[in-house]
C-alpha atoms as a PDB file:
ATOM      1  CA  MET A   1      -0.309  -0.008  -0.233  1.00  0.00           C
ATOM      2  CA  LEU A   2       1.668   3.580  -1.021  1.00  0.00           C
ATOM      3  CA  GLY A   3       5.052   1.729  -1.443  1.00  0.00           C
ATOM      4  CA  ILE A   4       5.203   0.870   2.179  1.00  0.00           C
ATOM      5  CA  LYS A   5       4.926  -2.257   4.311  1.00  0.00           C
ATOM      6  CA  PHE A   6       3.328  -3.007   7.690  1.00  0.00           C
ATOM      7  CA  ASP A   7       1.924  -5.488   9.861  1.00  0.00           C
ATOM      8  CA  ALA A   8      -1.586  -5.123  10.949  1.00  0.00           C
ATOM      9  CA  LEU A   9      -1.114  -6.186  14.591  1.00  0.00           C
ATOM     10  CA  THR A  10      -3.478  -5.593  17.845  1.00  0.00           C
ATOM     11  CA  MET A  11      -1.963  -4.124  20.551  1.00  0.00           C
ATOM     12  CA  SER A  12      -1.768  -7.284  22.542  1.00  0.00           C
ATOM     13  CA  GLN A  13      -0.159  -9.279  19.472  1.00  0.00           C
ATOM     14  CA  LEU A  14       2.531  -6.266  19.237  1.00  0.00           C
ATOM     15  CA  SER A  15       3.105  -6.627  22.862  1.00  0.00           C
ATOM     16  CA  GLU A  16       3.970 -10.320  22.583  1.00  0.00           C
ATOM     17  CA  ILE A  17       6.085  -9.714  20.041  1.00  0.00           C
ATOM     18  CA  ILE A  18       8.080  -7.449  21.990  1.00  0.00           C
ATOM     19  CA  PHE A  19       8.254  -9.355  25.219  1.00  0.00           C
ATOM     20  CA  ASP A  20       9.362 -12.592  23.034  1.00  0.00           C
ATOM     21  CA  SER A  21      12.174 -10.397  21.714  1.00  0.00           C
ATOM     22  CA  VAL A  22      13.118  -9.298  25.306  1.00  0.00           C
ATOM     23  CA  ARG A  23      13.120 -13.152  26.705  1.00  0.00           C
ATOM     24  CA  SER A  24      14.802 -14.286  23.782  1.00  0.00           C
ATOM     25  CA  GLY A  25      17.721 -11.539  23.881  1.00  0.00           C
ATOM     26  CA  SER A  26      17.332 -10.822  19.949  1.00  0.00           C
ATOM     27  CA  ARG A  27      17.580  -7.301  19.041  1.00  0.00           C
ATOM     28  CA  ASN A  28      14.863  -6.272  16.877  1.00  0.00           C
ATOM     29  CA  ILE A  29      13.730  -2.907  15.384  1.00  0.00           C
ATOM     30  CA  ILE A  30       9.973  -2.205  15.771  1.00  0.00           C
ATOM     31  CA  ALA A  31       9.001   1.005  13.995  1.00  0.00           C
ATOM     32  CA  ASN A  32       5.446   2.421  13.227  1.00  0.00           C
ATOM     33  CA  HIS A  33       3.959   4.116  10.395  1.00  0.00           C
ATOM     34  CA  ASN A  34       1.589   6.919  10.026  1.00  0.00           C
ATOM     35  CA  LEU A  35       0.838   9.557   7.229  1.00  0.00           C
ATOM     36  CA  HIS A  36       3.913  11.548   8.251  1.00  0.00           C
ATOM     37  CA  SER A  37       6.100   8.632   8.346  1.00  0.00           C
ATOM     38  CA  ILE A  38       5.070   7.633   4.695  1.00  0.00           C
ATOM     39  CA  TYR A  39       5.723  11.286   3.521  1.00  0.00           C
ATOM     40  CA  LEU A  40       9.315  10.813   4.934  1.00  0.00           C
ATOM     41  CA  PHE A  41       9.576   7.365   3.671  1.00  0.00           C
ATOM     42  CA  HIS A  42       8.993   8.807  -0.006  1.00  0.00           C
ATOM     43  CA  HIS A  43      10.850  11.705   0.576  1.00  0.00           C
ATOM     44  CA  ASP A  44      13.923  10.815   2.942  1.00  0.00           C
ATOM     45  CA  LEU A  45      16.410   8.026   1.674  1.00  0.00           C
ATOM     46  CA  GLU A  46      17.754   7.668   5.393  1.00  0.00           C
ATOM     47  CA  MET A  47      14.122   7.139   6.534  1.00  0.00           C
ATOM     48  CA  ARG A  48      13.753   4.345   3.465  1.00  0.00           C
ATOM     49  CA  ASP A  49      16.897   2.679   4.885  1.00  0.00           C
ATOM     50  CA  PHE A  50      15.641   2.652   8.535  1.00  0.00           C
ATOM     51  CA  TYR A  51      12.397   0.889   7.535  1.00  0.00           C
ATOM     52  CA  SER A  52      14.382  -1.524   5.403  1.00  0.00           C
ATOM     53  CA  LYS A  53      16.229  -2.656   8.609  1.00  0.00           C
ATOM     54  CA  THR A  54      12.850  -3.061  10.645  1.00  0.00           C
ATOM     55  CA  HIS A  55      11.322  -6.365  11.914  1.00  0.00           C
ATOM     56  CA  ILE A  56       8.340  -5.420  12.434  1.00  0.00           C
ATOM     57  CA  ILE A  57       6.170  -2.040  11.295  1.00  0.00           C
ATOM     58  CA  HIS A  58       2.800  -1.509  13.193  1.00  0.00           C
ATOM     59  CA  VAL A  59       0.056   0.752  12.234  1.00  0.00           C
ATOM     60  CA  ASP A  60      -0.186   4.120  14.194  1.00  0.00           C
ATOM     61  CA  GLY A  61      -2.708   6.375  12.711  1.00  0.00           C
ATOM     62  CA  MET A  62      -6.260   5.836  11.948  1.00  0.00           C
ATOM     63  CA  SER A  63      -5.783   7.443   8.630  1.00  0.00           C
ATOM     64  CA  LEU A  64      -3.868   4.137   7.540  1.00  0.00           C
ATOM     65  CA  VAL A  65      -6.363   1.962   8.817  1.00  0.00           C
ATOM     66  CA  TYR A  66      -8.830   3.840   6.424  1.00  0.00           C
ATOM     67  CA  LEU A  67      -6.392   4.046   3.434  1.00  0.00           C
ATOM     68  CA  ALA A  68      -5.763   0.213   4.081  1.00  0.00           C
ATOM     69  CA  ARG A  69      -9.102  -0.610   3.904  1.00  0.00           C
ATOM     70  CA  ILE A  70      -9.690   1.394   0.684  1.00  0.00           C
ATOM     71  CA  PHE A  71      -7.078  -0.729  -0.743  1.00  0.00           C
ATOM     72  CA  GLY A  72      -8.873  -3.678   0.135  1.00  0.00           C
ATOM     73  CA  TYR A  73      -6.574  -4.591   2.975  1.00  0.00           C
ATOM     74  CA  SER A  74      -8.455  -6.237   5.594  1.00  0.00           C
ATOM     75  CA  VAL A  75      -7.147  -3.663   8.680  1.00  0.00           C
ATOM     76  CA  HIS A  76      -9.266  -2.428  11.426  1.00  0.00           C
ATOM     77  CA  ARG A  77      -9.515  -0.078  14.365  1.00  0.00           C
ATOM     78  CA  VAL A  78      -8.134  -2.621  16.804  1.00  0.00           C
ATOM     79  CA  GLN A  79      -4.794  -2.824  14.658  1.00  0.00           C
ATOM     80  CA  ARG A  80      -3.714   0.691  15.207  1.00  0.00           C
ATOM     81  CA  VAL A  81      -1.594   0.570  18.095  1.00  0.00           C
ATOM     82  CA  THR A  82      -0.068   4.107  19.422  1.00  0.00           C
ATOM     83  CA  TYR A  83       2.941   3.974  21.694  1.00  0.00           C
ATOM     84  CA  ILE A  84       0.826   5.801  24.273  1.00  0.00           C
ATOM     85  CA  ASP A  85      -1.432   2.962  24.470  1.00  0.00           C
ATOM     86  CA  LEU A  86       1.407   0.516  24.452  1.00  0.00           C
ATOM     87  CA  ILE A  87       3.271   2.212  27.147  1.00  0.00           C
ATOM     88  CA  TRP A  88       1.034   0.738  29.731  1.00  0.00           C
ATOM     89  CA  PRO A  89       1.232  -2.986  28.672  1.00  0.00           C
ATOM     90  CA  LEU A  90       4.738  -2.596  28.432  1.00  0.00           C
ATOM     91  CA  MET A  91       5.122  -1.381  32.066  1.00  0.00           C
ATOM     92  CA  ALA A  92       2.714  -3.833  33.745  1.00  0.00           C
ATOM     93  CA  GLU A  93       4.983  -6.510  32.052  1.00  0.00           C
ATOM     94  CA  SER A  94       8.283  -4.647  33.220  1.00  0.00           C
ATOM     95  CA  ALA A  95       7.152  -4.574  36.796  1.00  0.00           C
ATOM     96  CA  ARG A  96       6.153  -8.129  36.631  1.00  0.00           C
ATOM     97  CA  LEU A  97       9.239  -9.562  35.246  1.00  0.00           C
ATOM     98  CA  ARG A  98      11.290  -7.050  37.237  1.00  0.00           C
ATOM     99  CA  ASN A  99      14.252  -7.386  34.851  1.00  0.00           C
ATOM    100  CA  VAL A 100      13.149  -5.899  31.399  1.00  0.00           C
ATOM    101  CA  TYR A 101      14.614  -3.041  29.865  1.00  0.00           C
ATOM    102  CA  VAL A 102      12.827  -1.370  26.912  1.00  0.00           C
ATOM    103  CA  ARG A 103      14.793   0.964  25.092  1.00  0.00           C
ATOM    104  CA  LEU A 104      13.167   3.491  23.006  1.00  0.00           C
ATOM    105  CA  SER A 105      15.570   5.177  20.499  1.00  0.00           C
ATOM    106  CA  LEU A 106      15.503   7.871  18.076  1.00  0.00           C
ATOM    107  CA  ASN A 107      18.807   7.114  16.765  1.00  0.00           C
ATOM    108  CA  TRP A 108      18.433   6.185  12.981  1.00  0.00           C
ATOM    109  CA  ASN A 109      21.810   4.513  12.695  1.00  0.00           C
ATOM    110  CA  CYS A 110      20.491   1.211  13.708  1.00  0.00           C
END
């Protein structure tokens, strides 16, 4: 869709992917797409390079949900995950495990 790839994941699915990554010790790049990131993807070579290195790209924007549906993809509201919503399940699981470190980075030199 619009030259991008994305994974239509619910909050619980994305949370589980993150914690599976933490449990296994793997280093995965998990990113998101919204309208602005699509613009950047098409106008910034570094952003295209960044997205080419990601393991998961989740939908963060209702406009993408609507666009995906227009293009025939089966994407629903529940598959839009914002970081403000995701932080609470991440914090709860981190507190439960007492040894999880989640690093959010704006370093594009992955």
